[in-house]
N, C-alpha and C. Protein backbone atom coordinates (compact mmCIF):
# COMPACT_ATOMS: atom_id res chain seq x y z
N UNK A 1 -48.47 47.16 92.12
CA UNK A 1 -47.32 46.17 91.94
C UNK A 1 -46.45 46.72 90.76
N UNK A 2 -45.06 46.66 90.96
CA UNK A 2 -44.31 47.03 89.90
C UNK A 2 -44.34 46.06 88.74
N UNK A 3 -44.25 46.56 87.57
CA UNK A 3 -44.37 45.63 86.31
C UNK A 3 -43.25 44.78 86.24
N UNK A 4 -42.18 44.97 86.86
CA UNK A 4 -41.00 43.92 86.78
C UNK A 4 -41.23 42.82 87.52
N UNK A 5 -42.17 42.89 88.47
CA UNK A 5 -42.46 41.80 89.42
C UNK A 5 -43.78 40.98 89.12
N UNK A 6 -44.36 41.37 87.88
CA UNK A 6 -45.58 40.67 87.67
C UNK A 6 -45.45 39.24 87.36
N UNK A 7 -46.40 38.44 87.82
CA UNK A 7 -46.19 36.97 87.63
C UNK A 7 -46.17 36.56 86.10
N UNK A 8 -45.54 35.56 85.78
CA UNK A 8 -45.47 35.04 84.32
C UNK A 8 -46.81 34.61 83.91
N UNK A 9 -47.12 35.09 82.63
CA UNK A 9 -48.45 34.76 81.97
C UNK A 9 -48.19 33.38 81.31
N UNK A 10 -48.89 32.33 81.78
CA UNK A 10 -48.58 30.97 80.84
C UNK A 10 -49.04 30.94 79.42
N UNK A 11 -49.96 31.93 79.24
CA UNK A 11 -50.42 32.07 77.88
C UNK A 11 -49.59 32.89 76.87
N UNK A 12 -48.68 33.54 77.49
CA UNK A 12 -47.77 34.56 76.73
C UNK A 12 -46.83 33.69 75.95
N UNK A 13 -46.56 34.18 74.73
CA UNK A 13 -45.52 33.38 73.87
C UNK A 13 -44.08 33.58 74.55
N UNK A 14 -43.34 32.42 74.60
CA UNK A 14 -42.07 32.44 75.08
C UNK A 14 -41.18 33.13 73.89
N UNK A 15 -40.28 34.02 74.48
CA UNK A 15 -39.41 34.64 73.62
C UNK A 15 -38.01 34.18 74.19
N UNK A 16 -37.34 33.45 73.15
CA UNK A 16 -36.04 32.91 73.64
C UNK A 16 -35.01 34.03 73.76
N UNK A 17 -34.03 33.80 74.69
CA UNK A 17 -32.88 34.71 74.75
C UNK A 17 -32.08 34.72 73.43
N UNK A 18 -31.56 35.77 73.09
CA UNK A 18 -30.57 35.90 71.80
C UNK A 18 -29.51 34.70 71.99
N UNK A 19 -29.00 34.43 73.10
CA UNK A 19 -27.86 33.46 73.30
C UNK A 19 -28.46 32.04 73.03
N UNK A 20 -29.78 31.96 73.28
CA UNK A 20 -30.32 30.50 73.13
C UNK A 20 -30.70 30.12 71.67
N UNK A 21 -30.53 31.33 70.72
CA UNK A 21 -30.80 30.81 69.26
C UNK A 21 -29.87 29.84 68.81
N UNK A 22 -30.26 28.77 68.15
CA UNK A 22 -29.36 27.91 67.60
C UNK A 22 -28.53 28.56 66.50
N UNK A 23 -27.20 28.11 66.40
CA UNK A 23 -26.32 28.57 65.39
C UNK A 23 -26.58 28.00 64.05
N UNK A 24 -26.65 28.68 63.06
CA UNK A 24 -26.98 28.18 61.67
C UNK A 24 -26.03 27.18 61.21
N UNK A 25 -26.28 26.14 60.47
CA UNK A 25 -25.56 25.05 59.94
C UNK A 25 -24.47 25.63 59.23
N UNK A 26 -23.12 25.00 59.27
CA UNK A 26 -22.10 25.50 58.52
C UNK A 26 -22.18 24.96 57.11
N UNK A 27 -21.45 25.65 56.32
CA UNK A 27 -21.48 25.36 54.78
C UNK A 27 -20.19 24.61 54.72
N UNK A 28 -20.15 23.55 54.05
CA UNK A 28 -18.86 22.84 53.68
C UNK A 28 -18.22 23.32 52.50
N UNK A 29 -16.83 23.50 52.55
CA UNK A 29 -16.07 24.09 51.30
C UNK A 29 -15.06 23.16 50.99
N UNK A 30 -14.73 22.76 49.62
CA UNK A 30 -13.51 22.12 49.21
C UNK A 30 -12.52 23.27 49.19
N UNK A 31 -11.45 23.20 50.01
CA UNK A 31 -10.27 24.15 49.83
C UNK A 31 -9.34 23.69 48.73
N UNK A 32 -8.80 24.71 47.99
CA UNK A 32 -7.83 24.48 46.87
C UNK A 32 -6.88 25.48 46.92
N UNK A 33 -5.67 25.29 46.40
CA UNK A 33 -4.56 26.40 46.25
C UNK A 33 -4.34 26.89 44.71
N UNK A 34 -4.14 27.95 44.65
CA UNK A 34 -3.66 28.55 43.34
C UNK A 34 -2.23 29.27 43.88
N UNK A 35 -1.14 28.65 43.69
CA UNK A 35 0.16 29.04 44.15
C UNK A 35 -0.04 29.09 45.88
N UNK A 36 0.16 30.02 46.45
CA UNK A 36 -0.05 30.01 48.00
C UNK A 36 -1.34 30.55 48.34
N UNK A 37 -2.11 31.02 47.51
CA UNK A 37 -3.61 31.60 47.89
C UNK A 37 -4.52 30.44 47.91
N UNK A 38 -5.43 30.49 48.94
CA UNK A 38 -6.44 29.45 49.24
C UNK A 38 -7.93 29.99 48.96
N UNK A 39 -8.57 28.91 48.26
CA UNK A 39 -10.03 29.39 47.95
C UNK A 39 -10.94 28.25 48.10
N UNK A 40 -12.12 28.52 48.33
CA UNK A 40 -13.06 27.42 48.64
C UNK A 40 -14.29 27.56 47.77
N UNK A 41 -14.62 26.25 47.22
CA UNK A 41 -15.72 26.01 46.45
C UNK A 41 -16.85 25.30 47.29
N UNK A 42 -18.10 25.73 47.38
CA UNK A 42 -19.16 25.11 48.14
C UNK A 42 -19.36 23.53 47.67
N UNK A 43 -19.15 22.75 48.73
CA UNK A 43 -19.32 21.20 48.33
C UNK A 43 -20.62 20.88 47.58
N UNK A 44 -21.61 21.63 47.82
CA UNK A 44 -22.93 21.25 47.15
C UNK A 44 -22.99 21.59 45.73
N UNK A 45 -21.90 22.44 45.33
CA UNK A 45 -21.74 22.57 43.83
C UNK A 45 -20.53 21.82 43.15
N UNK A 46 -19.94 20.96 43.98
CA UNK A 46 -18.86 20.04 43.48
C UNK A 46 -19.34 18.91 42.98
N UNK A 47 -18.78 18.41 41.72
CA UNK A 47 -19.26 17.17 41.06
C UNK A 47 -18.21 16.20 41.44
N UNK A 48 -16.98 16.62 41.13
CA UNK A 48 -15.73 15.64 41.24
C UNK A 48 -14.46 16.50 41.14
N UNK A 49 -13.49 15.84 41.57
CA UNK A 49 -12.18 16.35 41.42
C UNK A 49 -11.10 15.44 40.62
N UNK A 50 -10.43 15.71 39.73
CA UNK A 50 -9.59 14.73 39.03
C UNK A 50 -8.26 15.41 38.50
N UNK A 51 -7.26 14.70 38.49
CA UNK A 51 -6.02 15.24 37.90
C UNK A 51 -6.22 15.66 36.41
N UNK A 52 -5.78 16.74 36.02
CA UNK A 52 -6.01 17.02 34.59
C UNK A 52 -4.99 16.34 33.68
N UNK A 53 -5.65 15.58 32.79
CA UNK A 53 -4.68 14.82 31.84
C UNK A 53 -4.23 15.61 30.75
N UNK A 54 -5.31 15.99 29.80
CA UNK A 54 -5.00 16.81 28.56
C UNK A 54 -5.90 18.02 28.45
N UNK A 55 -5.32 19.12 28.35
CA UNK A 55 -6.15 20.35 28.13
C UNK A 55 -5.99 20.80 26.68
N UNK A 56 -7.22 20.84 26.00
CA UNK A 56 -7.20 21.24 24.67
C UNK A 56 -7.39 22.78 24.66
N UNK A 57 -6.47 23.65 24.21
CA UNK A 57 -6.75 25.16 24.04
C UNK A 57 -7.80 25.31 22.96
N UNK A 58 -8.57 26.38 23.22
CA UNK A 58 -9.39 26.74 22.23
C UNK A 58 -9.18 28.26 21.72
N UNK A 59 -8.73 28.25 20.16
CA UNK A 59 -8.37 29.40 19.76
C UNK A 59 -9.41 30.55 19.92
N UNK A 60 -9.17 31.79 20.26
CA UNK A 60 -10.06 32.74 20.28
C UNK A 60 -10.88 32.76 21.56
N UNK A 61 -10.73 31.88 22.43
CA UNK A 61 -11.50 31.72 23.67
C UNK A 61 -10.94 32.97 24.52
N UNK A 62 -12.11 33.54 25.34
CA UNK A 62 -11.62 34.53 26.34
C UNK A 62 -10.59 33.94 27.37
N UNK A 63 -9.77 34.96 27.77
CA UNK A 63 -8.63 34.55 28.72
C UNK A 63 -8.95 33.77 29.92
N UNK A 64 -10.21 33.84 30.39
CA UNK A 64 -10.43 32.98 31.52
C UNK A 64 -10.84 31.59 31.22
N UNK A 65 -10.85 31.26 29.92
CA UNK A 65 -11.07 29.87 29.57
C UNK A 65 -9.86 29.24 29.25
N UNK A 66 -9.44 28.27 30.18
CA UNK A 66 -8.16 27.47 30.02
C UNK A 66 -8.27 26.53 28.65
N UNK A 67 -9.39 25.88 28.50
CA UNK A 67 -9.68 25.03 27.23
C UNK A 67 -10.53 24.00 27.66
N UNK A 68 -10.58 22.89 27.00
CA UNK A 68 -11.53 21.84 27.08
C UNK A 68 -10.80 20.55 27.70
N UNK A 69 -11.56 19.93 28.47
CA UNK A 69 -11.01 18.74 29.31
C UNK A 69 -11.98 17.49 29.04
N UNK A 70 -11.41 16.42 28.57
CA UNK A 70 -12.27 15.16 28.72
C UNK A 70 -12.28 14.51 29.97
N UNK A 71 -13.34 14.54 30.61
CA UNK A 71 -13.46 13.92 32.07
C UNK A 71 -14.55 12.80 31.90
N UNK A 72 -13.89 11.64 31.91
CA UNK A 72 -14.83 10.36 31.78
C UNK A 72 -15.69 10.35 30.56
N UNK A 73 -15.29 10.78 29.36
CA UNK A 73 -16.01 10.83 28.26
C UNK A 73 -16.90 12.10 28.14
N UNK A 74 -16.89 12.91 29.03
CA UNK A 74 -17.59 14.26 28.97
C UNK A 74 -16.74 15.37 28.77
N UNK A 75 -16.97 16.19 27.84
CA UNK A 75 -16.18 17.49 27.58
C UNK A 75 -16.70 18.55 28.53
N UNK A 76 -15.69 19.06 29.27
CA UNK A 76 -15.81 20.25 30.10
C UNK A 76 -15.19 21.47 29.66
N UNK A 77 -15.73 22.50 29.90
CA UNK A 77 -15.22 23.90 29.65
C UNK A 77 -14.29 24.16 30.87
N UNK A 78 -13.03 24.17 30.84
CA UNK A 78 -12.22 24.28 31.96
C UNK A 78 -11.74 25.77 32.02
N UNK A 79 -12.29 26.46 33.15
CA UNK A 79 -11.89 27.84 33.43
C UNK A 79 -10.57 27.99 34.03
N UNK A 80 -9.75 28.94 33.76
CA UNK A 80 -8.47 29.23 34.25
C UNK A 80 -8.65 30.20 35.55
N UNK A 81 -8.82 29.50 36.79
CA UNK A 81 -8.95 30.25 37.92
C UNK A 81 -7.92 31.32 38.24
N UNK A 82 -6.70 31.02 37.89
CA UNK A 82 -5.65 31.86 38.10
C UNK A 82 -5.89 33.24 37.39
N UNK A 83 -6.29 33.19 36.06
CA UNK A 83 -6.55 34.31 35.44
C UNK A 83 -7.81 35.07 35.81
N UNK A 84 -8.84 34.39 36.05
CA UNK A 84 -10.00 35.13 36.48
C UNK A 84 -9.93 35.73 37.94
N UNK A 85 -9.09 35.12 38.74
CA UNK A 85 -8.83 35.68 40.19
C UNK A 85 -7.68 36.59 40.23
N UNK A 86 -6.98 36.84 39.07
CA UNK A 86 -5.73 37.64 39.11
C UNK A 86 -4.63 37.17 40.10
N UNK A 87 -4.45 35.81 39.95
CA UNK A 87 -3.31 35.25 40.75
C UNK A 87 -2.07 35.15 40.08
N UNK A 88 -1.00 34.76 40.88
CA UNK A 88 0.34 34.79 40.22
C UNK A 88 0.40 33.65 39.16
N UNK A 89 1.17 33.71 38.09
CA UNK A 89 1.27 32.73 37.09
C UNK A 89 1.72 31.24 37.72
N UNK A 90 1.07 30.31 36.93
CA UNK A 90 1.38 28.97 37.49
C UNK A 90 2.69 28.43 37.02
N UNK A 91 3.32 27.75 37.80
CA UNK A 91 4.70 27.06 37.47
C UNK A 91 4.24 25.69 36.86
N UNK A 92 5.06 25.38 36.04
CA UNK A 92 4.69 24.15 35.28
C UNK A 92 5.27 22.76 35.88
N UNK A 93 5.61 22.94 37.09
CA UNK A 93 6.16 21.81 37.82
C UNK A 93 5.19 20.68 38.20
N UNK A 94 3.89 21.10 38.53
CA UNK A 94 3.07 20.06 38.91
C UNK A 94 1.84 19.95 38.03
N UNK A 95 1.25 18.71 37.95
CA UNK A 95 -0.03 18.52 37.15
C UNK A 95 -1.07 19.17 37.85
N UNK A 96 -1.86 20.08 37.31
CA UNK A 96 -2.97 20.72 38.06
C UNK A 96 -4.18 19.78 38.16
N UNK A 97 -5.23 20.15 38.93
CA UNK A 97 -6.37 19.44 39.12
C UNK A 97 -7.58 20.26 38.42
N UNK A 98 -8.50 19.40 37.90
CA UNK A 98 -9.78 20.08 37.56
C UNK A 98 -10.75 19.86 38.56
N UNK A 99 -11.57 20.78 38.95
CA UNK A 99 -12.69 20.77 39.76
C UNK A 99 -13.89 20.79 39.21
N UNK A 100 -14.57 19.76 38.73
CA UNK A 100 -15.84 19.65 38.13
C UNK A 100 -16.85 20.16 38.83
N UNK A 101 -17.79 21.07 38.36
CA UNK A 101 -18.76 21.69 39.14
C UNK A 101 -20.17 21.21 38.62
N UNK A 102 -21.14 21.28 39.54
CA UNK A 102 -22.52 21.03 39.28
C UNK A 102 -23.30 22.21 39.25
N UNK A 103 -24.61 22.09 38.78
CA UNK A 103 -25.55 23.29 38.82
C UNK A 103 -25.50 24.25 37.68
N UNK A 104 -24.77 24.08 36.66
CA UNK A 104 -24.64 24.96 35.54
C UNK A 104 -25.29 24.24 34.26
N UNK A 105 -25.67 25.00 33.43
CA UNK A 105 -26.24 24.46 32.26
C UNK A 105 -25.31 23.48 31.24
N UNK A 106 -24.00 24.04 31.26
CA UNK A 106 -22.97 23.31 30.49
C UNK A 106 -22.03 22.68 31.50
N UNK A 107 -21.38 21.62 31.08
CA UNK A 107 -20.45 21.00 31.98
C UNK A 107 -19.09 22.03 32.23
N UNK A 108 -18.83 22.38 33.39
CA UNK A 108 -17.90 23.40 33.58
C UNK A 108 -16.79 22.92 34.79
N UNK A 109 -15.63 23.37 34.75
CA UNK A 109 -14.74 23.09 35.79
C UNK A 109 -13.69 24.26 36.06
N UNK A 110 -12.98 24.12 37.00
CA UNK A 110 -11.98 25.08 37.44
C UNK A 110 -10.54 24.37 37.37
N UNK A 111 -9.51 24.95 36.84
CA UNK A 111 -8.26 24.40 36.87
C UNK A 111 -7.48 25.06 38.11
N UNK A 112 -7.12 24.11 38.99
CA UNK A 112 -6.45 24.61 40.25
C UNK A 112 -5.19 23.86 40.47
N UNK A 113 -4.22 24.44 41.20
CA UNK A 113 -3.03 23.77 41.43
C UNK A 113 -2.99 22.52 42.39
N UNK A 114 -3.56 22.85 43.55
CA UNK A 114 -3.57 21.55 44.51
C UNK A 114 -4.82 21.72 45.28
N UNK A 115 -4.94 20.61 46.10
CA UNK A 115 -6.13 20.62 46.90
C UNK A 115 -5.55 20.63 48.41
N UNK A 116 -6.60 21.36 49.19
CA UNK A 116 -6.25 21.51 50.50
C UNK A 116 -6.98 20.44 51.51
N UNK A 117 -8.27 20.76 51.82
CA UNK A 117 -9.06 20.03 52.65
C UNK A 117 -10.43 20.48 52.51
N UNK A 118 -11.32 19.71 53.30
CA UNK A 118 -12.78 20.26 53.27
C UNK A 118 -12.78 20.89 54.62
N UNK A 119 -13.58 22.18 54.57
CA UNK A 119 -13.62 22.93 55.69
C UNK A 119 -15.16 23.36 55.86
N UNK A 120 -15.57 23.43 57.26
CA UNK A 120 -16.96 23.84 57.58
C UNK A 120 -16.85 25.31 57.95
N UNK A 121 -17.58 26.24 57.40
CA UNK A 121 -17.62 27.55 57.84
C UNK A 121 -18.92 27.93 58.19
N UNK A 122 -19.13 28.53 59.39
CA UNK A 122 -20.35 29.06 59.84
C UNK A 122 -20.52 30.43 59.35
N UNK A 123 -21.70 30.79 59.01
CA UNK A 123 -22.02 32.05 58.37
C UNK A 123 -21.41 33.26 59.28
N UNK A 124 -21.32 33.11 60.65
CA UNK A 124 -20.91 34.41 61.37
C UNK A 124 -19.34 34.23 61.27
N UNK A 125 -18.77 33.37 60.70
CA UNK A 125 -17.17 33.43 60.52
C UNK A 125 -16.75 33.98 59.31
N UNK A 126 -17.77 34.32 58.45
CA UNK A 126 -17.32 34.86 57.14
C UNK A 126 -17.06 36.44 57.25
N UNK A 127 -15.91 36.91 56.68
CA UNK A 127 -15.52 38.33 56.75
C UNK A 127 -15.37 38.61 55.34
N UNK A 128 -15.05 40.07 55.32
CA UNK A 128 -14.98 40.71 53.92
C UNK A 128 -13.63 40.31 53.40
N UNK A 129 -13.51 40.40 52.16
CA UNK A 129 -12.20 40.21 51.51
C UNK A 129 -11.26 41.36 51.85
N UNK A 130 -9.89 41.01 51.94
CA UNK A 130 -8.97 42.07 52.29
C UNK A 130 -9.08 43.09 51.24
N UNK A 131 -8.71 44.48 51.58
CA UNK A 131 -8.80 45.51 50.65
C UNK A 131 -7.50 45.53 49.71
N UNK A 132 -6.69 44.68 49.99
CA UNK A 132 -5.37 44.55 49.24
C UNK A 132 -5.74 43.61 48.01
N UNK A 133 -6.77 42.93 47.98
CA UNK A 133 -7.08 41.95 46.82
C UNK A 133 -7.41 42.71 45.69
N UNK A 134 -7.01 42.31 44.49
CA UNK A 134 -7.35 42.95 43.23
C UNK A 134 -8.94 42.93 43.10
N UNK A 135 -9.58 43.78 42.38
CA UNK A 135 -10.90 43.97 42.24
C UNK A 135 -11.62 42.57 41.63
N UNK A 136 -10.82 41.99 40.71
CA UNK A 136 -11.34 40.84 39.87
C UNK A 136 -11.51 39.67 40.90
N UNK A 137 -10.54 39.58 41.87
CA UNK A 137 -10.71 38.51 43.04
C UNK A 137 -11.85 38.84 43.90
N UNK A 138 -11.89 39.95 44.45
CA UNK A 138 -12.86 40.47 45.47
C UNK A 138 -14.36 40.15 44.88
N UNK A 139 -14.56 40.48 43.57
CA UNK A 139 -15.98 40.36 43.10
C UNK A 139 -16.45 39.00 42.88
N UNK A 140 -15.50 38.01 42.83
CA UNK A 140 -15.75 36.60 42.83
C UNK A 140 -15.92 35.91 43.98
N UNK A 141 -15.84 36.61 45.10
CA UNK A 141 -16.06 36.02 46.43
C UNK A 141 -17.04 36.47 47.35
N UNK A 142 -17.69 35.68 48.14
CA UNK A 142 -18.74 36.08 49.04
C UNK A 142 -18.24 36.68 50.30
N UNK A 143 -16.91 36.21 50.57
CA UNK A 143 -16.16 36.79 51.73
C UNK A 143 -14.88 35.84 51.84
N UNK A 144 -14.38 35.85 53.06
CA UNK A 144 -13.25 35.04 53.52
C UNK A 144 -13.55 34.39 54.76
N UNK A 145 -12.82 33.30 55.08
CA UNK A 145 -12.98 32.56 56.34
C UNK A 145 -11.51 32.26 56.69
N UNK A 146 -11.24 32.24 58.00
CA UNK A 146 -9.88 31.73 58.50
C UNK A 146 -10.05 30.24 58.84
N UNK A 147 -9.18 29.36 58.26
CA UNK A 147 -9.40 27.95 58.31
C UNK A 147 -7.89 27.48 58.65
N UNK A 148 -7.76 26.31 59.28
CA UNK A 148 -6.38 25.74 59.61
C UNK A 148 -5.22 26.15 58.58
N UNK A 149 -5.59 26.10 57.18
CA UNK A 149 -4.67 26.24 56.18
C UNK A 149 -4.35 27.82 55.81
N UNK A 150 -5.14 28.68 56.57
CA UNK A 150 -4.96 30.11 56.22
C UNK A 150 -6.30 30.70 55.88
N UNK A 151 -6.18 32.02 55.41
CA UNK A 151 -7.22 32.68 54.88
C UNK A 151 -7.82 32.21 53.62
N UNK A 152 -9.19 31.80 53.64
CA UNK A 152 -9.69 31.15 52.39
C UNK A 152 -10.68 32.12 51.79
N UNK A 153 -10.52 32.34 50.41
CA UNK A 153 -11.50 33.18 49.75
C UNK A 153 -12.71 32.17 49.49
N UNK A 154 -13.98 32.50 49.71
CA UNK A 154 -15.13 31.75 49.60
C UNK A 154 -15.80 32.09 48.09
N UNK A 155 -15.55 31.33 47.15
CA UNK A 155 -15.93 31.68 45.84
C UNK A 155 -17.51 31.75 45.69
N UNK A 156 -17.99 32.57 44.95
CA UNK A 156 -19.33 32.67 44.37
C UNK A 156 -19.12 32.22 43.04
N UNK A 157 -19.52 30.91 42.69
CA UNK A 157 -19.31 30.38 41.37
C UNK A 157 -20.19 30.95 40.30
N UNK A 158 -21.30 31.50 40.58
CA UNK A 158 -22.13 32.19 39.69
C UNK A 158 -21.54 33.48 39.16
N UNK A 159 -20.89 34.25 40.11
CA UNK A 159 -20.04 35.41 39.60
C UNK A 159 -18.80 34.96 38.93
N UNK A 160 -18.08 33.80 39.36
CA UNK A 160 -16.81 33.55 38.72
C UNK A 160 -16.99 33.13 37.19
N UNK A 161 -18.13 32.30 36.90
CA UNK A 161 -18.24 31.85 35.64
C UNK A 161 -18.56 32.95 34.65
N UNK A 162 -19.18 34.03 35.22
CA UNK A 162 -19.57 35.14 34.24
C UNK A 162 -18.38 36.09 33.91
N UNK A 163 -17.40 36.02 34.68
CA UNK A 163 -16.09 36.87 34.44
C UNK A 163 -15.39 36.54 33.07
C-alpha cells in the first residue's frame, strides 16, 4: 500500500495547517504627530494625555529633556520627542500635549504636537523603518506600520528614554 493512502491514525496528534493558525492579537497604539510625522506609543504604557500648561525648563538638562510639567500635582520629566527623534522644529502656533507614560521608575512623559487616533497593529503588519530616517529615529522604533493616517513609527519607549 502506498504511504500517501494509509488510513488516518486516530491516536496520532493533529497537526494544524499553517493557514489554520490563529493570528496573534494586535497591539493598540496611541498615534500622535510631531509636525507631519506620525508615531505610536503602546497603549499599555500610556497613563494619560493632557494639554501641556506650563513647562519649567531645567538648566543644564540634556537636549532630550524639555523640562518639568505639573500634571495633577505630580511632577513629570517631559521629554522632547522632537529632539530625540530628530524631527523638524516645532512651530509655536499650537499648545502641545504631554503623553504621560507608565511602567518607569520616575514619572515621565513625551511632549507631542497633536493626537491622531488609536490604532491596532498586528505583528505581521510591522515593517522596518525607512532607510531615509535618521539613525536617532530608527533606533527608537521597533518598526513601522501603515495606518489610515499614514506611516506610523512604533516607538520602543525603553530605548527612547535612554537617548
